Amino acid sequence: MDRYHVFSSDNMVDWMDEGEILSSDDVERGRPECGFMWAPDAAYKDGTYYFYYPHPSESKWNDSWKVGIATSKFPDKEFTDIGYIEGMGGDAMIDPCVFMDDDGKAYIYLGGGGKCVGAELNDDMISIKSEPVPMEGLDDFHEGTWIFKRNGVYYLTYPDNHGGNGNRMKYATSDSPLGPWEYQDVFLDSTGCDTSHGSVVEYKGDWYLFYHNKAISGTGNLRSVCVDKLEFDENGKILMVEQTLDSVEPVGPRVEPSEDMVTYQADEAEL
């Protein structure tokens, strides 16, 4: 993958492709053979949107990952690459996640090849306050770190190294954004892809898990985006996610297609 698009929704069901915001062609420091960029994240602070993405810079690509940054005054256009975060990256270190805490502090996490690290960002959102520290207490970490906070508890989710039908999603909890973490459980079974990635968002009072499967393509690296409800028990434990092929109930008015729109109906796909 070397081109990022932004998709928007008011109801969690109808999604509008807002277009491409960044490609490897926009990054001069990319590897000479060709560029590619993997799982990104974004954050907003003081009128600026920050887009964080992993991108290798040398021919020996897996040794040269960097966390690139592009910024814009808009969430869906006019992003400009401004460089990368010094002190984060290197061998197999990919999939940045940025977490904005309630007190206004921002943290960035990076992980791959069984390693996961985190650091507090400076106020500029493009540099770190100190050397990244290992996230301790995780069980069989693979990559794809995601952090969220609920009822004062920090949750770190990630795929494991489970073989067979593919990675599972696990999570750990902490009372601090940089751990140490206490491993909890699996909350998403394998989806049929070799790898699994997930992100969690609260929207209009409900919690959702975004992840991927291969239900449409039948091929593990041609992935379909999925979203399903994320439920918790009375103690804050994440319940096992029920994987569906028809997604979630709309939480707002449906979008009526018009003649100038190209539409794709996921629920009409031959699965």
C-alpha atoms as a PDB file:
ATOM      1  CA  MET A   1       0.000   0.000   0.000  1.00  0.00           C
ATOM      2  CA  ASP A   2       1.385   3.393  -0.877  1.00  0.00           C
ATOM      3  CA  ARG A   3      -1.637   5.719  -1.060  1.00  0.00           C
ATOM      4  CA  TYR A   4      -3.888   6.794   1.792  1.00  0.00           C
ATOM      5  CA  HIS A   5      -7.567   7.739   1.463  1.00  0.00           C
ATOM      6  CA  VAL A   6      -9.877   9.280   4.056  1.00  0.00           C
ATOM      7  CA  PHE A   7     -13.423   7.971   4.499  1.00  0.00           C
ATOM      8  CA  SER A   8     -16.111   9.812   6.477  1.00  0.00           C
ATOM      9  CA  SER A   9     -19.470   8.854   7.967  1.00  0.00           C
ATOM     10  CA  ASP A  10     -22.214  10.355  10.118  1.00  0.00           C
ATOM     11  CA  ASN A  11     -24.020   7.075  10.745  1.00  0.00           C
ATOM     12  CA  MET A  12     -21.307   4.344  10.819  1.00  0.00           C
ATOM     13  CA  VAL A  13     -22.909   2.644   7.800  1.00  0.00           C
ATOM     14  CA  ASP A  14     -22.664   4.973   4.783  1.00  0.00           C
ATOM     15  CA  TRP A  15     -19.043   5.921   4.124  1.00  0.00           C
ATOM     16  CA  MET A  16     -17.842   8.622   1.724  1.00  0.00           C
ATOM     17  CA  ASP A  17     -14.434   8.352   0.073  1.00  0.00           C
ATOM     18  CA  GLU A  18     -13.029  11.859   0.530  1.00  0.00           C
ATOM     19  CA  GLY A  19     -10.062  11.068  -1.727  1.00  0.00           C
ATOM     20  CA  GLU A  20      -6.341  10.531  -1.453  1.00  0.00           C
ATOM     21  CA  ILE A  21      -4.469  12.586   1.147  1.00  0.00           C
ATOM     22  CA  LEU A  22      -0.917  11.216   0.847  1.00  0.00           C
ATOM     23  CA  SER A  23       1.148   8.816  -1.249  1.00  0.00           C
ATOM     24  CA  SER A  24       4.719   7.568  -1.299  1.00  0.00           C
ATOM     25  CA  ASP A  25       5.325   9.927  -4.242  1.00  0.00           C
ATOM     26  CA  ASP A  26       4.939  12.803  -1.778  1.00  0.00           C
ATOM     27  CA  VAL A  27       7.782  11.549   0.447  1.00  0.00           C
ATOM     28  CA  GLU A  28      11.284  12.280  -0.855  1.00  0.00           C
ATOM     29  CA  ARG A  29      13.061  10.138   1.755  1.00  0.00           C
ATOM     30  CA  GLY A  30      11.403   6.884   0.604  1.00  0.00           C
ATOM     31  CA  ARG A  31      13.388   3.841  -0.520  1.00  0.00           C
ATOM     32  CA  PRO A  32      14.726   4.265  -4.086  1.00  0.00           C
ATOM     33  CA  GLU A  33      13.110   1.128  -5.570  1.00  0.00           C
ATOM     34  CA  CYS A  34       9.546   2.167  -4.683  1.00  0.00           C
ATOM     35  CA  GLY A  35       7.692   3.375  -1.642  1.00  0.00           C
ATOM     36  CA  PHE A  36       5.133   1.728   0.547  1.00  0.00           C
ATOM     37  CA  MET A  37       3.420   2.800   3.740  1.00  0.00           C
ATOM     38  CA  TRP A  38       1.585   0.642   6.234  1.00  0.00           C
ATOM     39  CA  ALA A  39      -0.937   1.160   9.059  1.00  0.00           C
ATOM     40  CA  PRO A  40      -1.183   4.889  10.024  1.00  0.00           C
ATOM     41  CA  ASP A  41      -2.924   6.971  12.691  1.00  0.00           C
ATOM     42  CA  ALA A  42      -4.037  10.573  13.101  1.00  0.00           C
ATOM     43  CA  ALA A  43      -4.530  13.166  15.838  1.00  0.00           C
ATOM     44  CA  TYR A  44      -5.899  16.696  16.181  1.00  0.00           C
ATOM     45  CA  LYS A  45      -4.512  19.518  18.308  1.00  0.00           C
ATOM     46  CA  ASP A  46      -4.908  23.295  18.320  1.00  0.00           C
ATOM     47  CA  GLY A  47      -6.380  23.563  14.836  1.00  0.00           C
ATOM     48  CA  THR A  48      -3.990  21.154  13.115  1.00  0.00           C
ATOM     49  CA  TYR A  49      -4.503  17.560  11.986  1.00  0.00           C
ATOM     50  CA  TYR A  50      -1.443  15.316  12.307  1.00  0.00           C
ATOM     51  CA  PHE A  51      -1.158  12.178  10.184  1.00  0.00           C
ATOM     52  CA  TYR A  52       1.428   9.599  11.317  1.00  0.00           C
ATOM     53  CA  TYR A  53       2.517   6.825   8.968  1.00  0.00           C
ATOM     54  CA  PRO A  54       5.312   4.195   8.753  1.00  0.00           C
ATOM     55  CA  HIS A  55       7.546   4.431   5.691  1.00  0.00           C
ATOM     56  CA  PRO A  56      10.953   2.782   4.994  1.00  0.00           C
ATOM     57  CA  SER A  57      13.754   4.967   3.672  1.00  0.00           C
ATOM     58  CA  GLU A  58      16.411   2.536   2.395  1.00  0.00           C
ATOM     59  CA  SER A  59      16.713  -0.422   0.030  1.00  0.00           C
ATOM     60  CA  LYS A  60      17.009  -2.731   3.034  1.00  0.00           C
ATOM     61  CA  TRP A  61      13.497  -1.668   3.890  1.00  0.00           C
ATOM     62  CA  ASN A  62      12.684  -3.587   7.071  1.00  0.00           C
ATOM     63  CA  ASP A  63      15.692  -2.044   8.849  1.00  0.00           C
ATOM     64  CA  SER A  64      14.853   1.540   7.900  1.00  0.00           C
ATOM     65  CA  TRP A  65      11.325   2.264   9.077  1.00  0.00           C
ATOM     66  CA  LYS A  66      10.557   5.836  10.135  1.00  0.00           C
ATOM     67  CA  VAL A  67       7.393   7.454  11.484  1.00  0.00           C
ATOM     68  CA  GLY A  68       6.523  10.126   8.943  1.00  0.00           C
ATOM     69  CA  ILE A  69       4.277  13.096   9.709  1.00  0.00           C
ATOM     70  CA  ALA A  70       1.982  15.062   7.439  1.00  0.00           C
ATOM     71  CA  THR A  71      -0.137  17.993   8.616  1.00  0.00           C
ATOM     72  CA  SER A  72      -3.196  19.900   7.440  1.00  0.00           C
ATOM     73  CA  LYS A  73      -5.814  22.338   8.655  1.00  0.00           C
ATOM     74  CA  PHE A  74      -8.445  19.923   7.310  1.00  0.00           C
ATOM     75  CA  PRO A  75      -9.138  16.279   8.163  1.00  0.00           C
ATOM     76  CA  ASP A  76      -9.590  15.170   4.553  1.00  0.00           C
ATOM     77  CA  LYS A  77      -7.332  17.246   2.257  1.00  0.00           C
ATOM     78  CA  GLU A  78      -4.233  19.407   1.824  1.00  0.00           C
ATOM     79  CA  PHE A  79      -1.845  17.255   3.863  1.00  0.00           C
ATOM     80  CA  THR A  80       1.845  18.103   3.507  1.00  0.00           C
ATOM     81  CA  ASP A  81       4.668  15.837   4.610  1.00  0.00           C
ATOM     82  CA  ILE A  82       6.871  17.643   7.158  1.00  0.00           C
ATOM     83  CA  GLY A  83       9.422  14.965   8.057  1.00  0.00           C
ATOM     84  CA  TYR A  84       9.632  12.185  10.621  1.00  0.00           C
ATOM     85  CA  ILE A  85       9.955  11.654  14.367  1.00  0.00           C
ATOM     86  CA  GLU A  86      13.578  11.452  15.459  1.00  0.00           C
ATOM     87  CA  GLY A  87      14.257   8.539  17.787  1.00  0.00           C
ATOM     88  CA  MET A  88      11.390   6.277  16.699  1.00  0.00           C
ATOM     89  CA  GLY A  89      11.614   3.561  14.047  1.00  0.00           C
ATOM     90  CA  GLY A  90      14.174   1.042  12.925  1.00  0.00           C
ATOM     91  CA  ASP A  91      14.055  -2.721  12.532  1.00  0.00           C
ATOM     92  CA  ALA A  92      10.448  -3.893  11.936  1.00  0.00           C
ATOM     93  CA  MET A  93       9.059  -0.985  14.012  1.00  0.00           C
ATOM     94  CA  ILE A  94       5.808  -0.048  12.276  1.00  0.00           C
ATOM     95  CA  ASP A  95       2.126   0.856  12.783  1.00  0.00           C
ATOM     96  CA  PRO A  96       2.238   4.074  14.860  1.00  0.00           C
ATOM     97  CA  CYS A  97      -0.631   4.810  17.225  1.00  0.00           C
ATOM     98  CA  VAL A  98      -1.155   8.246  18.798  1.00  0.00           C
ATOM     99  CA  PHE A  99      -3.258   8.593  21.940  1.00  0.00           C
ATOM    100  CA  MET A 100      -4.541  11.932  23.276  1.00  0.00           C
ATOM    101  CA  ASP A 101      -5.184  11.720  27.026  1.00  0.00           C
ATOM    102  CA  ASP A 102      -7.798  13.666  28.986  1.00  0.00           C
ATOM    103  CA  ASP A 103      -5.141  16.015  30.392  1.00  0.00           C
ATOM    104  CA  GLY A 104      -4.045  17.102  26.897  1.00  0.00           C
ATOM    105  CA  LYS A 105      -0.873  15.031  26.840  1.00  0.00           C
ATOM    106  CA  ALA A 106      -0.173  12.988  23.707  1.00  0.00           C
ATOM    107  CA  TYR A 107       1.582   9.633  23.466  1.00  0.00           C
ATOM    108  CA  ILE A 108       2.896   7.672  20.502  1.00  0.00           C
ATOM    109  CA  TYR A 109       3.330   3.905  20.276  1.00  0.00           C
ATOM    110  CA  LEU A 110       5.183   1.774  17.743  1.00  0.00           C
ATOM    111  CA  GLY A 111       5.660  -1.936  17.382  1.00  0.00           C
ATOM    112  CA  GLY A 112       6.567  -4.915  15.240  1.00  0.00           C
ATOM    113  CA  GLY A 113       8.571  -8.102  15.303  1.00  0.00           C
ATOM    114  CA  GLY A 114       7.418  -8.815  18.852  1.00  0.00           C
ATOM    115  CA  LYS A 115       8.525  -5.416  20.225  1.00  0.00           C
ATOM    116  CA  CYS A 116       6.257  -2.597  21.423  1.00  0.00           C
ATOM    117  CA  VAL A 117       7.420   0.799  22.681  1.00  0.00           C
ATOM    118  CA  GLY A 118       5.806   4.076  23.679  1.00  0.00           C
ATOM    119  CA  ALA A 119       6.784   7.666  24.425  1.00  0.00           C
ATOM    120  CA  GLU A 120       5.186  10.968  25.345  1.00  0.00           C
ATOM    121  CA  LEU A 121       5.073  13.510  22.544  1.00  0.00           C
ATOM    122  CA  ASN A 122       6.164  17.095  23.053  1.00  0.00           C
ATOM    123  CA  ASP A 123       3.629  19.883  22.601  1.00  0.00           C
ATOM    124  CA  ASP A 124       4.755  20.248  18.977  1.00  0.00           C
ATOM    125  CA  MET A 125       3.331  16.735  18.257  1.00  0.00           C
ATOM    126  CA  ILE A 126       6.367  15.939  16.078  1.00  0.00           C
ATOM    127  CA  SER A 127       9.046  15.069  18.642  1.00  0.00           C
ATOM    128  CA  ILE A 128       9.259  12.877  21.749  1.00  0.00           C
ATOM    129  CA  LYS A 129      10.157  13.953  25.280  1.00  0.00           C
ATOM    130  CA  SER A 130      12.460  11.016  25.998  1.00  0.00           C
ATOM    131  CA  GLU A 131      13.635   7.693  24.635  1.00  0.00           C
ATOM    132  CA  PRO A 132      10.811   5.225  23.886  1.00  0.00           C
ATOM    133  CA  VAL A 133      10.221   2.682  26.650  1.00  0.00           C
ATOM    134  CA  PRO A 134       9.140  -0.970  26.245  1.00  0.00           C
ATOM    135  CA  MET A 135       5.486  -1.749  26.929  1.00  0.00           C
ATOM    136  CA  GLU A 136       5.807  -4.419  29.607  1.00  0.00           C
ATOM    137  CA  GLY A 137       3.250  -7.115  30.435  1.00  0.00           C
ATOM    138  CA  LEU A 138       1.930  -7.940  26.955  1.00  0.00           C
ATOM    139  CA  ASP A 139       1.350 -11.557  25.954  1.00  0.00           C
ATOM    140  CA  ASP A 140       2.653 -12.703  22.527  1.00  0.00           C
ATOM    141  CA  PHE A 141       2.674  -9.220  20.958  1.00  0.00           C
ATOM    142  CA  HIS A 142       2.997  -9.080  17.157  1.00  0.00           C
ATOM    143  CA  GLU A 143       2.322  -5.535  15.824  1.00  0.00           C
ATOM    144  CA  GLY A 144      -0.545  -3.065  15.297  1.00  0.00           C
ATOM    145  CA  THR A 145      -0.700  -1.325  18.696  1.00  0.00           C
ATOM    146  CA  TRP A 146      -3.895   0.580  19.529  1.00  0.00           C
ATOM    147  CA  ILE A 147      -4.577   2.552  22.737  1.00  0.00           C
ATOM    148  CA  PHE A 148      -7.861   3.864  24.116  1.00  0.00           C
ATOM    149  CA  LYS A 149      -9.204   4.892  27.506  1.00  0.00           C
ATOM    150  CA  ARG A 150     -12.537   4.026  29.118  1.00  0.00           C
ATOM    151  CA  ASN A 151     -13.719   4.844  32.651  1.00  0.00           C
ATOM    152  CA  GLY A 152     -10.199   5.801  33.690  1.00  0.00           C
ATOM    153  CA  VAL A 153      -8.640   2.557  32.442  1.00  0.00           C
ATOM    154  CA  TYR A 154      -6.105   2.449  29.605  1.00  0.00           C
ATOM    155  CA  TYR A 155      -6.525  -0.376  27.089  1.00  0.00           C
ATOM    156  CA  LEU A 156      -3.752  -1.575  24.755  1.00  0.00           C
ATOM    157  CA  THR A 157      -4.988  -3.824  21.937  1.00  0.00           C
ATOM    158  CA  TYR A 158      -2.832  -5.758  19.480  1.00  0.00           C
ATOM    159  CA  PRO A 159      -2.699  -8.878  17.276  1.00  0.00           C
ATOM    160  CA  ASP A 160      -0.799 -11.901  18.519  1.00  0.00           C
ATOM    161  CA  ASN A 161       1.317 -14.442  16.611  1.00  0.00           C
ATOM    162  CA  HIS A 162      -1.357 -17.147  16.493  1.00  0.00           C
ATOM    163  CA  GLY A 163      -0.880 -19.448  13.512  1.00  0.00           C
ATOM    164  CA  GLY A 164      -3.372 -21.569  11.652  1.00  0.00           C
ATOM    165  CA  ASN A 165      -6.242 -19.318  10.597  1.00  0.00           C
ATOM    166  CA  GLY A 166      -4.369 -16.103  11.429  1.00  0.00           C
ATOM    167  CA  ASN A 167      -3.684 -13.683  14.272  1.00  0.00           C
ATOM    168  CA  ARG A 168      -6.155 -13.021  17.054  1.00  0.00           C
ATOM    169  CA  MET A 169      -6.668  -9.656  18.769  1.00  0.00           C
ATOM    170  CA  LYS A 170      -5.667  -9.436  22.427  1.00  0.00           C
ATOM    171  CA  TYR A 171      -5.656  -6.647  25.000  1.00  0.00           C
ATOM    172  CA  ALA A 172      -4.024  -5.518  28.212  1.00  0.00           C
ATOM    173  CA  THR A 173      -4.957  -2.794  30.709  1.00  0.00           C
ATOM    174  CA  SER A 174      -3.127  -0.270  32.877  1.00  0.00           C
ATOM    175  CA  ASP A 175      -3.668   2.763  35.090  1.00  0.00           C
ATOM    176  CA  SER A 176      -0.920   4.579  33.159  1.00  0.00           C
ATOM    177  CA  PRO A 177      -0.625   5.326  29.423  1.00  0.00           C
ATOM    178  CA  LEU A 178       2.916   3.889  29.351  1.00  0.00           C
ATOM    179  CA  GLY A 179       2.201   0.845  31.500  1.00  0.00           C
ATOM    180  CA  PRO A 180       3.203  -1.491  32.924  1.00  0.00           C
ATOM    181  CA  TRP A 181       0.328  -3.487  31.432  1.00  0.00           C
ATOM    182  CA  GLU A 182      -1.668  -6.416  32.753  1.00  0.00           C
ATOM    183  CA  TYR A 183      -2.612  -8.919  30.075  1.00  0.00           C
ATOM    184  CA  GLN A 184      -6.339  -9.685  29.929  1.00  0.00           C
ATOM    185  CA  ASP A 185      -7.640 -11.866  27.091  1.00  0.00           C
ATOM    186  CA  VAL A 186      -8.409 -12.483  23.413  1.00  0.00           C
ATOM    187  CA  PHE A 187     -11.359 -10.400  22.205  1.00  0.00           C
ATOM    188  CA  LEU A 188     -11.352 -11.032  18.434  1.00  0.00           C
ATOM    189  CA  ASP A 189     -10.855 -14.459  16.903  1.00  0.00           C
ATOM    190  CA  SER A 190      -8.922 -14.972  13.675  1.00  0.00           C
ATOM    191  CA  THR A 191     -10.599 -13.512  10.597  1.00  0.00           C
ATOM    192  CA  GLY A 192      -8.998 -15.763   7.992  1.00  0.00           C
ATOM    193  CA  CYS A 193      -6.249 -13.298   7.063  1.00  0.00           C
ATOM    194  CA  ASP A 194      -2.678 -14.098   8.041  1.00  0.00           C
ATOM    195  CA  THR A 195      -2.500 -10.819   9.949  1.00  0.00           C
ATOM    196  CA  SER A 196      -5.079  -8.933  11.965  1.00  0.00           C
ATOM    197  CA  HIS A 197      -5.224  -5.259  12.844  1.00  0.00           C
ATOM    198  CA  GLY A 198      -7.775  -3.334  14.866  1.00  0.00           C
ATOM    199  CA  SER A 199      -8.689   0.108  16.154  1.00  0.00           C
ATOM    200  CA  VAL A 200     -11.326   1.188  18.650  1.00  0.00           C
ATOM    201  CA  VAL A 201     -13.482   4.313  18.664  1.00  0.00           C
ATOM    202  CA  GLU A 202     -16.362   5.635  20.738  1.00  0.00           C
ATOM    203  CA  TYR A 203     -19.024   7.344  18.624  1.00  0.00           C
ATOM    204  CA  LYS A 204     -22.408   8.676  19.736  1.00  0.00           C
ATOM    205  CA  GLY A 205     -22.249   6.719  22.977  1.00  0.00           C
ATOM    206  CA  ASP A 206     -21.295   3.323  21.534  1.00  0.00           C
ATOM    207  CA  TRP A 207     -17.948   1.604  21.147  1.00  0.00           C
ATOM    208  CA  TYR A 208     -16.818   0.065  17.855  1.00  0.00           C
ATOM    209  CA  LEU A 209     -13.975  -2.135  16.660  1.00  0.00           C
ATOM    210  CA  PHE A 210     -12.594  -1.614  13.156  1.00  0.00           C
ATOM    211  CA  TYR A 211     -10.703  -4.603  11.740  1.00  0.00           C
ATOM    212  CA  HIS A 212     -10.377  -6.520   8.459  1.00  0.00           C
ATOM    213  CA  ASN A 213     -11.117  -9.866   6.867  1.00  0.00           C
ATOM    214  CA  LYS A 214     -10.900 -11.436   3.383  1.00  0.00           C
ATOM    215  CA  ALA A 215     -14.594 -12.246   2.953  1.00  0.00           C
ATOM    216  CA  ILE A 216     -14.933 -10.538  -0.420  1.00  0.00           C
ATOM    217  CA  SER A 217     -11.571 -11.251  -2.058  1.00  0.00           C
ATOM    218  CA  GLY A 218     -10.758 -14.636  -0.579  1.00  0.00           C
ATOM    219  CA  THR A 219      -7.131 -13.468  -0.424  1.00  0.00           C
ATOM    220  CA  GLY A 220      -5.471 -12.543   2.858  1.00  0.00           C
ATOM    221  CA  ASN A 221      -3.670  -9.429   1.596  1.00  0.00           C
ATOM    222  CA  LEU A 222      -6.725  -8.059  -0.258  1.00  0.00           C
ATOM    223  CA  ARG A 223      -8.599  -7.014   2.830  1.00  0.00           C
ATOM    224  CA  SER A 224     -12.121  -5.810   3.489  1.00  0.00           C
ATOM    225  CA  VAL A 225     -12.705  -3.222   6.211  1.00  0.00           C
ATOM    226  CA  CYS A 226     -15.106  -4.377   8.933  1.00  0.00           C
ATOM    227  CA  VAL A 227     -16.760  -2.640  11.865  1.00  0.00           C
ATOM    228  CA  ASP A 228     -18.662  -4.305  14.700  1.00  0.00           C
ATOM    229  CA  LYS A 229     -19.812  -3.306  18.172  1.00  0.00           C
ATOM    230  CA  LEU A 230     -17.337  -3.548  21.055  1.00  0.00           C
ATOM    231  CA  GLU A 231     -19.069  -4.551  24.293  1.00  0.00           C
ATOM    232  CA  PHE A 232     -17.825  -4.534  27.901  1.00  0.00           C
ATOM    233  CA  ASP A 233     -18.995  -6.316  31.027  1.00  0.00           C
ATOM    234  CA  GLU A 234     -19.644  -4.600  34.360  1.00  0.00           C
ATOM    235  CA  ASN A 235     -15.960  -4.910  35.303  1.00  0.00           C
ATOM    236  CA  GLY A 236     -14.676  -3.315  32.094  1.00  0.00           C
ATOM    237  CA  LYS A 237     -13.628  -6.585  30.471  1.00  0.00           C
ATOM    238  CA  ILE A 238     -13.925  -6.561  26.671  1.00  0.00           C
ATOM    239  CA  LEU A 239     -16.350  -9.236  25.517  1.00  0.00           C
ATOM    240  CA  MET A 240     -15.571 -11.411  22.510  1.00  0.00           C
ATOM    241  CA  VAL A 241     -16.490  -9.482  19.357  1.00  0.00           C
ATOM    242  CA  GLU A 242     -19.177 -11.064  17.201  1.00  0.00           C
ATOM    243  CA  GLN A 243     -17.910 -10.893  13.628  1.00  0.00           C
ATOM    244  CA  THR A 244     -20.654 -10.045  11.146  1.00  0.00           C
ATOM    245  CA  LEU A 245     -20.896  -9.560   7.374  1.00  0.00           C
ATOM    246  CA  ASP A 246     -23.579  -6.862   7.527  1.00  0.00           C
ATOM    247  CA  SER A 247     -21.859  -4.435   9.931  1.00  0.00           C
ATOM    248  CA  VAL A 248     -23.690  -2.361  12.544  1.00  0.00           C
ATOM    249  CA  GLU A 249     -26.992  -0.543  12.863  1.00  0.00           C
ATOM    250  CA  PRO A 250     -26.958   3.062  11.607  1.00  0.00           C
ATOM    251  CA  VAL A 251     -26.764   5.747  14.301  1.00  0.00           C
ATOM    252  CA  GLY A 252     -28.020   8.545  12.023  1.00  0.00           C
ATOM    253  CA  PRO A 253     -30.050   9.126   8.851  1.00  0.00           C
ATOM    254  CA  ARG A 254     -29.071   6.998   5.849  1.00  0.00           C
ATOM    255  CA  VAL A 255     -27.500   8.662   2.813  1.00  0.00           C
ATOM    256  CA  GLU A 256     -29.640   8.619  -0.314  1.00  0.00           C
ATOM    257  CA  PRO A 257     -27.548   7.895  -3.443  1.00  0.00           C
ATOM    258  CA  SER A 258     -27.628  10.518  -6.191  1.00  0.00           C
ATOM    259  CA  GLU A 259     -26.824  10.335  -9.902  1.00  0.00           C
ATOM    260  CA  ASP A 260     -23.383  11.928  -9.451  1.00  0.00           C
ATOM    261  CA  MET A 261     -22.302   9.393  -6.796  1.00  0.00           C
ATOM    262  CA  VAL A 262     -20.528   6.090  -7.380  1.00  0.00           C
ATOM    263  CA  THR A 263     -21.859   3.731  -4.725  1.00  0.00           C
ATOM    264  CA  TYR A 264     -20.797   0.299  -3.487  1.00  0.00           C
ATOM    265  CA  GLN A 265     -23.171  -1.802  -1.400  1.00  0.00           C
ATOM    266  CA  ALA A 266     -21.178  -4.116   0.844  1.00  0.00           C
ATOM    267  CA  ASP A 267     -24.284  -6.099   1.832  1.00  0.00           C
ATOM    268  CA  GLU A 268     -24.845  -7.050  -1.837  1.00  0.00           C
ATOM    269  CA  ALA A 269     -21.372  -8.530  -2.300  1.00  0.00           C
ATOM    270  CA  GLU A 270     -21.134 -12.221  -3.098  1.00  0.00           C
ATOM    271  CA  LEU A 271     -19.527 -13.502   0.082  1.00  0.00           C
END
